[in-house]
């Protein structure tokens, strides 16, 4: 969603995640991962944060929502409650590119320094 402040996550999509109960089936996990995908650009390290959800999808016949999955779900909800703002850089502004690579995920973020008021 574009506002005067920049690009922000759609509040309705955030609310859909915040209002979710912990998944009880593969279908629920699929809904969760779909909602996360729609907000992926606003979730730092989304692949890492959601890894346990994808593990839960691997075993479709014997679905198990683990403690690890539940903790990741709660961390994700807490993170989404404070979703970041994306803003267009100004010409000539110094930008920093951060890369993160692990065995299970890849993350990239472009940031600028900003003084807090």
N, C-alpha and C. Protein backbone atom coordinates (compact mmCIF):
# COMPACT_ATOMS: atom_id res chain seq x y z
N UNK A 1 0.84 -1.16 0.00
CA UNK A 1 0.00 0.00 0.00
C UNK A 1 0.90 1.24 0.00
N UNK A 2 0.64 2.17 -0.89
CA UNK A 2 1.45 3.38 -0.99
C UNK A 2 0.76 4.50 -0.22
N UNK A 3 1.54 5.15 0.65
CA UNK A 3 1.02 6.30 1.40
C UNK A 3 2.02 7.44 1.29
N UNK A 4 1.75 8.54 1.95
CA UNK A 4 2.68 9.67 1.94
C UNK A 4 4.01 9.30 2.59
N UNK A 5 3.97 8.34 3.51
CA UNK A 5 5.19 7.93 4.22
C UNK A 5 6.05 6.98 3.41
N UNK A 6 5.49 6.31 2.43
CA UNK A 6 6.24 5.33 1.63
C UNK A 6 5.35 4.14 1.33
N UNK A 7 5.98 2.98 1.12
CA UNK A 7 5.24 1.75 0.86
C UNK A 7 5.06 1.02 2.18
N UNK A 8 3.82 0.76 2.52
CA UNK A 8 3.51 0.10 3.79
C UNK A 8 2.74 -1.19 3.51
N UNK A 9 2.86 -2.12 4.44
CA UNK A 9 2.09 -3.36 4.33
C UNK A 9 0.61 -3.04 4.48
N UNK A 10 -0.21 -3.76 3.75
CA UNK A 10 -1.66 -3.59 3.84
C UNK A 10 -2.12 -4.01 5.23
N UNK A 11 -2.73 -3.10 5.99
CA UNK A 11 -3.15 -3.43 7.35
C UNK A 11 -4.12 -4.60 7.42
N UNK A 12 -4.96 -4.77 6.40
CA UNK A 12 -5.90 -5.89 6.39
C UNK A 12 -5.17 -7.23 6.29
N UNK A 13 -4.09 -7.25 5.50
CA UNK A 13 -3.32 -8.49 5.36
C UNK A 13 -2.54 -8.80 6.64
N UNK A 14 -2.06 -7.76 7.30
CA UNK A 14 -1.39 -7.96 8.59
C UNK A 14 -2.39 -8.49 9.60
N UNK A 15 -3.57 -7.87 9.65
CA UNK A 15 -4.60 -8.29 10.60
C UNK A 15 -4.99 -9.75 10.37
N UNK A 16 -5.02 -10.18 9.11
CA UNK A 16 -5.37 -11.57 8.80
C UNK A 16 -4.38 -12.54 9.46
N UNK A 17 -3.11 -12.16 9.51
CA UNK A 17 -2.10 -13.01 10.18
C UNK A 17 -2.24 -12.89 11.69
N UNK A 18 -2.38 -11.66 12.19
CA UNK A 18 -2.47 -11.45 13.63
C UNK A 18 -3.68 -12.14 14.25
N UNK A 19 -4.77 -12.24 13.50
CA UNK A 19 -6.00 -12.85 14.00
C UNK A 19 -6.03 -14.37 13.85
N UNK A 20 -5.02 -14.93 13.18
CA UNK A 20 -5.00 -16.39 12.96
C UNK A 20 -4.76 -17.15 14.26
N UNK A 21 -5.45 -18.26 14.37
CA UNK A 21 -5.16 -19.22 15.43
C UNK A 21 -4.01 -20.10 14.94
N UNK A 22 -3.28 -20.74 15.84
CA UNK A 22 -2.22 -21.65 15.38
C UNK A 22 -2.80 -22.71 14.44
N UNK A 23 -2.12 -22.99 13.34
CA UNK A 23 -2.62 -23.98 12.38
C UNK A 23 -2.85 -25.35 13.01
N UNK A 24 -3.93 -26.00 12.55
CA UNK A 24 -4.27 -27.34 13.04
C UNK A 24 -4.27 -28.37 11.93
N UNK A 25 -4.00 -27.88 10.71
CA UNK A 25 -4.00 -28.79 9.56
C UNK A 25 -3.05 -28.25 8.50
N UNK A 26 -2.77 -29.09 7.53
CA UNK A 26 -1.92 -28.68 6.41
C UNK A 26 -2.56 -27.49 5.70
N UNK A 27 -3.87 -27.53 5.54
CA UNK A 27 -4.60 -26.44 4.87
C UNK A 27 -4.39 -25.11 5.61
N UNK A 28 -4.40 -25.15 6.95
CA UNK A 28 -4.16 -23.94 7.74
C UNK A 28 -2.75 -23.40 7.53
N UNK A 29 -1.77 -24.30 7.45
CA UNK A 29 -0.38 -23.88 7.22
C UNK A 29 -0.26 -23.28 5.82
N UNK A 30 -0.96 -23.87 4.85
CA UNK A 30 -0.94 -23.32 3.49
C UNK A 30 -1.53 -21.91 3.46
N UNK A 31 -2.59 -21.69 4.23
CA UNK A 31 -3.17 -20.34 4.32
C UNK A 31 -2.16 -19.37 4.92
N UNK A 32 -1.50 -19.82 5.99
CA UNK A 32 -0.50 -18.99 6.66
C UNK A 32 0.64 -18.63 5.71
N UNK A 33 1.19 -19.61 5.03
CA UNK A 33 2.32 -19.33 4.14
C UNK A 33 1.90 -18.45 2.96
N UNK A 34 0.67 -18.58 2.51
CA UNK A 34 0.15 -17.70 1.46
C UNK A 34 0.05 -16.26 1.93
N UNK A 35 -0.42 -16.09 3.15
CA UNK A 35 -0.52 -14.74 3.71
C UNK A 35 0.85 -14.13 3.93
N UNK A 36 1.79 -14.95 4.37
CA UNK A 36 3.16 -14.47 4.57
C UNK A 36 3.77 -14.07 3.22
N UNK A 37 3.53 -14.88 2.19
CA UNK A 37 4.08 -14.58 0.86
C UNK A 37 3.57 -13.23 0.35
N UNK A 38 2.31 -12.91 0.64
CA UNK A 38 1.74 -11.64 0.20
C UNK A 38 2.41 -10.45 0.87
N UNK A 39 3.02 -10.68 2.03
CA UNK A 39 3.69 -9.60 2.78
C UNK A 39 5.20 -9.79 2.82
N UNK A 40 5.72 -10.69 2.01
CA UNK A 40 7.13 -11.07 2.07
C UNK A 40 8.11 -9.93 2.03
N UNK A 41 7.83 -8.90 1.24
CA UNK A 41 8.77 -7.79 1.13
C UNK A 41 8.90 -7.01 2.44
N UNK A 42 7.96 -7.19 3.36
CA UNK A 42 7.99 -6.48 4.64
C UNK A 42 8.53 -7.33 5.78
N UNK A 43 8.87 -8.58 5.49
CA UNK A 43 9.30 -9.50 6.55
C UNK A 43 10.78 -9.81 6.37
N UNK A 44 11.60 -9.25 7.25
CA UNK A 44 13.03 -9.51 7.22
C UNK A 44 13.28 -10.98 7.53
N UNK A 45 14.12 -11.61 6.74
CA UNK A 45 14.48 -13.02 6.93
C UNK A 45 13.24 -13.92 6.90
N UNK A 46 12.32 -13.65 5.99
CA UNK A 46 11.06 -14.40 5.96
C UNK A 46 11.28 -15.89 5.76
N UNK A 47 12.23 -16.26 4.92
CA UNK A 47 12.50 -17.69 4.70
C UNK A 47 12.93 -18.39 5.97
N UNK A 48 13.77 -17.71 6.72
CA UNK A 48 14.24 -18.27 7.99
C UNK A 48 13.11 -18.31 9.02
N UNK A 49 12.33 -17.24 9.08
CA UNK A 49 11.24 -17.17 10.05
C UNK A 49 10.17 -18.24 9.78
N UNK A 50 10.00 -18.60 8.52
CA UNK A 50 8.93 -19.52 8.13
C UNK A 50 9.40 -20.94 7.85
N UNK A 51 10.66 -21.23 8.08
CA UNK A 51 11.20 -22.55 7.75
C UNK A 51 10.42 -23.67 8.42
N UNK A 52 10.07 -23.51 9.69
CA UNK A 52 9.34 -24.58 10.37
C UNK A 52 7.94 -24.79 9.79
N UNK A 53 7.36 -23.75 9.19
CA UNK A 53 6.05 -23.91 8.53
C UNK A 53 6.20 -24.81 7.30
N UNK A 54 7.26 -24.58 6.55
CA UNK A 54 7.49 -25.39 5.35
C UNK A 54 7.83 -26.84 5.72
N UNK A 55 8.52 -27.02 6.84
CA UNK A 55 8.79 -28.38 7.32
C UNK A 55 7.48 -29.09 7.65
N UNK A 56 6.54 -28.35 8.24
CA UNK A 56 5.24 -28.94 8.58
C UNK A 56 4.48 -29.37 7.33
N UNK A 57 4.72 -28.69 6.22
CA UNK A 57 4.04 -29.03 4.97
C UNK A 57 4.63 -30.26 4.29
N UNK A 58 5.85 -30.63 4.66
CA UNK A 58 6.50 -31.78 4.01
C UNK A 58 5.76 -33.08 4.28
N UNK A 59 5.25 -33.23 5.49
CA UNK A 59 4.61 -34.48 5.88
C UNK A 59 3.09 -34.26 5.90
N UNK A 60 2.48 -34.28 4.74
CA UNK A 60 1.06 -33.94 4.62
C UNK A 60 0.13 -34.99 5.23
N UNK A 61 0.55 -36.23 5.26
CA UNK A 61 -0.32 -37.28 5.80
C UNK A 61 -0.33 -37.29 7.33
N UNK A 62 0.82 -37.03 7.93
CA UNK A 62 0.92 -37.03 9.39
C UNK A 62 1.28 -35.62 9.86
N UNK A 63 0.33 -34.70 9.72
CA UNK A 63 0.57 -33.30 10.08
C UNK A 63 0.93 -33.18 11.56
N UNK A 64 1.98 -32.40 11.83
CA UNK A 64 2.37 -32.14 13.21
C UNK A 64 2.79 -30.68 13.34
N UNK A 65 2.11 -29.95 14.21
CA UNK A 65 2.45 -28.56 14.52
C UNK A 65 3.33 -28.61 15.76
N UNK A 66 4.63 -28.44 15.58
CA UNK A 66 5.60 -28.62 16.65
C UNK A 66 5.71 -27.37 17.52
N UNK A 67 6.40 -27.53 18.64
CA UNK A 67 6.70 -26.39 19.51
C UNK A 67 7.51 -25.36 18.75
N UNK A 68 8.46 -25.83 17.94
CA UNK A 68 9.28 -24.93 17.11
C UNK A 68 8.39 -24.13 16.15
N UNK A 69 7.42 -24.79 15.54
CA UNK A 69 6.50 -24.12 14.62
C UNK A 69 5.66 -23.09 15.37
N UNK A 70 5.19 -23.46 16.55
CA UNK A 70 4.35 -22.55 17.33
C UNK A 70 5.15 -21.32 17.76
N UNK A 71 6.39 -21.52 18.19
CA UNK A 71 7.24 -20.39 18.58
C UNK A 71 7.50 -19.48 17.38
N UNK A 72 7.77 -20.06 16.21
CA UNK A 72 8.00 -19.27 15.00
C UNK A 72 6.74 -18.49 14.62
N UNK A 73 5.59 -19.11 14.80
CA UNK A 73 4.30 -18.46 14.52
C UNK A 73 4.11 -17.24 15.42
N UNK A 74 4.40 -17.39 16.70
CA UNK A 74 4.25 -16.27 17.64
C UNK A 74 5.26 -15.16 17.35
N UNK A 75 6.49 -15.52 17.00
CA UNK A 75 7.51 -14.52 16.64
C UNK A 75 7.06 -13.76 15.39
N UNK A 76 6.53 -14.48 14.41
CA UNK A 76 6.05 -13.85 13.18
C UNK A 76 4.93 -12.86 13.49
N UNK A 77 3.98 -13.27 14.32
CA UNK A 77 2.86 -12.39 14.67
C UNK A 77 3.36 -11.13 15.39
N UNK A 78 4.31 -11.31 16.28
CA UNK A 78 4.86 -10.15 17.00
C UNK A 78 5.57 -9.22 16.01
N UNK A 79 6.33 -9.79 15.10
CA UNK A 79 7.04 -9.00 14.09
C UNK A 79 6.04 -8.24 13.21
N UNK A 80 4.98 -8.90 12.79
CA UNK A 80 4.00 -8.27 11.90
C UNK A 80 3.22 -7.16 12.60
N UNK A 81 3.14 -7.21 13.91
CA UNK A 81 2.46 -6.15 14.65
C UNK A 81 3.22 -4.82 14.53
N UNK A 82 4.49 -4.91 14.16
CA UNK A 82 5.33 -3.71 14.00
C UNK A 82 5.96 -3.70 12.61
N UNK A 83 5.17 -3.95 11.59
CA UNK A 83 5.68 -4.06 10.22
C UNK A 83 6.43 -2.80 9.80
N UNK A 84 7.57 -2.98 9.13
CA UNK A 84 8.38 -1.82 8.71
C UNK A 84 7.76 -1.07 7.52
N UNK A 85 8.28 0.09 7.30
CA UNK A 85 7.88 0.97 6.21
C UNK A 85 8.95 0.93 5.14
N UNK A 86 8.56 0.87 3.88
CA UNK A 86 9.51 0.94 2.77
C UNK A 86 9.40 2.32 2.14
N UNK A 87 10.53 3.01 1.99
CA UNK A 87 10.53 4.35 1.42
C UNK A 87 11.51 4.44 0.27
N UNK A 88 11.19 5.25 -0.71
CA UNK A 88 12.04 5.45 -1.88
C UNK A 88 13.26 6.27 -1.47
N UNK A 89 14.47 5.83 -1.87
CA UNK A 89 15.67 6.61 -1.52
C UNK A 89 15.72 7.92 -2.31
N UNK A 90 16.37 8.89 -1.71
CA UNK A 90 16.56 10.18 -2.38
C UNK A 90 17.81 10.09 -3.25
N UNK A 91 17.84 10.77 -4.38
CA UNK A 91 19.03 10.76 -5.24
C UNK A 91 20.27 11.20 -4.46
N UNK A 92 21.37 10.44 -4.60
CA UNK A 92 22.62 10.76 -3.93
C UNK A 92 22.73 10.26 -2.50
N UNK A 93 21.66 9.70 -1.98
CA UNK A 93 21.66 9.21 -0.60
C UNK A 93 22.49 7.92 -0.51
N UNK A 94 23.24 7.77 0.59
CA UNK A 94 24.05 6.57 0.78
C UNK A 94 23.14 5.42 1.20
N UNK A 95 23.28 4.30 0.49
CA UNK A 95 22.50 3.10 0.79
C UNK A 95 23.45 1.96 1.12
N UNK A 96 22.99 1.05 1.96
CA UNK A 96 23.77 -0.11 2.36
C UNK A 96 23.02 -1.37 1.94
N UNK A 97 23.75 -2.30 1.34
CA UNK A 97 23.17 -3.57 0.92
C UNK A 97 23.69 -4.65 1.85
N UNK A 98 22.77 -5.33 2.53
CA UNK A 98 23.14 -6.41 3.43
C UNK A 98 22.66 -7.73 2.83
N UNK A 99 23.54 -8.71 2.83
CA UNK A 99 23.22 -10.04 2.34
C UNK A 99 23.33 -11.02 3.49
N UNK A 100 22.44 -11.98 3.51
CA UNK A 100 22.51 -13.05 4.49
C UNK A 100 22.27 -14.36 3.76
N UNK A 101 23.17 -15.30 3.97
CA UNK A 101 23.05 -16.59 3.31
C UNK A 101 23.25 -17.69 4.35
N UNK A 102 22.36 -18.66 4.35
CA UNK A 102 22.52 -19.82 5.22
C UNK A 102 22.23 -21.06 4.37
N UNK A 103 22.28 -22.21 4.99
CA UNK A 103 21.99 -23.45 4.26
C UNK A 103 20.53 -23.56 3.86
N UNK A 104 19.65 -22.78 4.51
CA UNK A 104 18.22 -22.93 4.26
C UNK A 104 17.55 -21.68 3.69
N UNK A 105 18.24 -20.54 3.68
CA UNK A 105 17.58 -19.31 3.23
C UNK A 105 18.58 -18.30 2.70
N UNK A 106 18.06 -17.35 1.95
CA UNK A 106 18.84 -16.25 1.42
C UNK A 106 18.05 -14.99 1.69
N UNK A 107 18.72 -13.96 2.19
CA UNK A 107 18.03 -12.70 2.46
C UNK A 107 18.86 -11.52 1.99
N UNK A 108 18.18 -10.51 1.48
CA UNK A 108 18.84 -9.30 1.01
C UNK A 108 18.01 -8.12 1.49
N UNK A 109 18.69 -7.08 1.95
CA UNK A 109 17.98 -5.88 2.35
C UNK A 109 18.80 -4.66 1.96
N UNK A 110 18.12 -3.65 1.46
CA UNK A 110 18.74 -2.38 1.10
C UNK A 110 18.23 -1.36 2.11
N UNK A 111 19.15 -0.72 2.83
CA UNK A 111 18.75 0.20 3.90
C UNK A 111 19.46 1.54 3.79
N UNK A 112 18.89 2.50 4.48
CA UNK A 112 19.54 3.80 4.59
C UNK A 112 19.56 4.16 6.07
N UNK A 113 20.53 4.97 6.45
CA UNK A 113 20.59 5.43 7.83
C UNK A 113 19.64 6.60 7.98
N UNK A 114 18.96 6.61 9.10
CA UNK A 114 18.05 7.71 9.36
C UNK A 114 18.16 8.08 10.83
N UNK A 115 18.27 9.35 11.10
CA UNK A 115 18.36 9.81 12.48
C UNK A 115 16.97 9.80 13.10
N UNK A 116 16.91 9.31 14.35
CA UNK A 116 15.63 9.33 15.06
C UNK A 116 15.41 10.72 15.63
N UNK A 117 14.18 11.15 15.61
CA UNK A 117 13.84 12.48 16.12
C UNK A 117 13.34 12.37 17.53
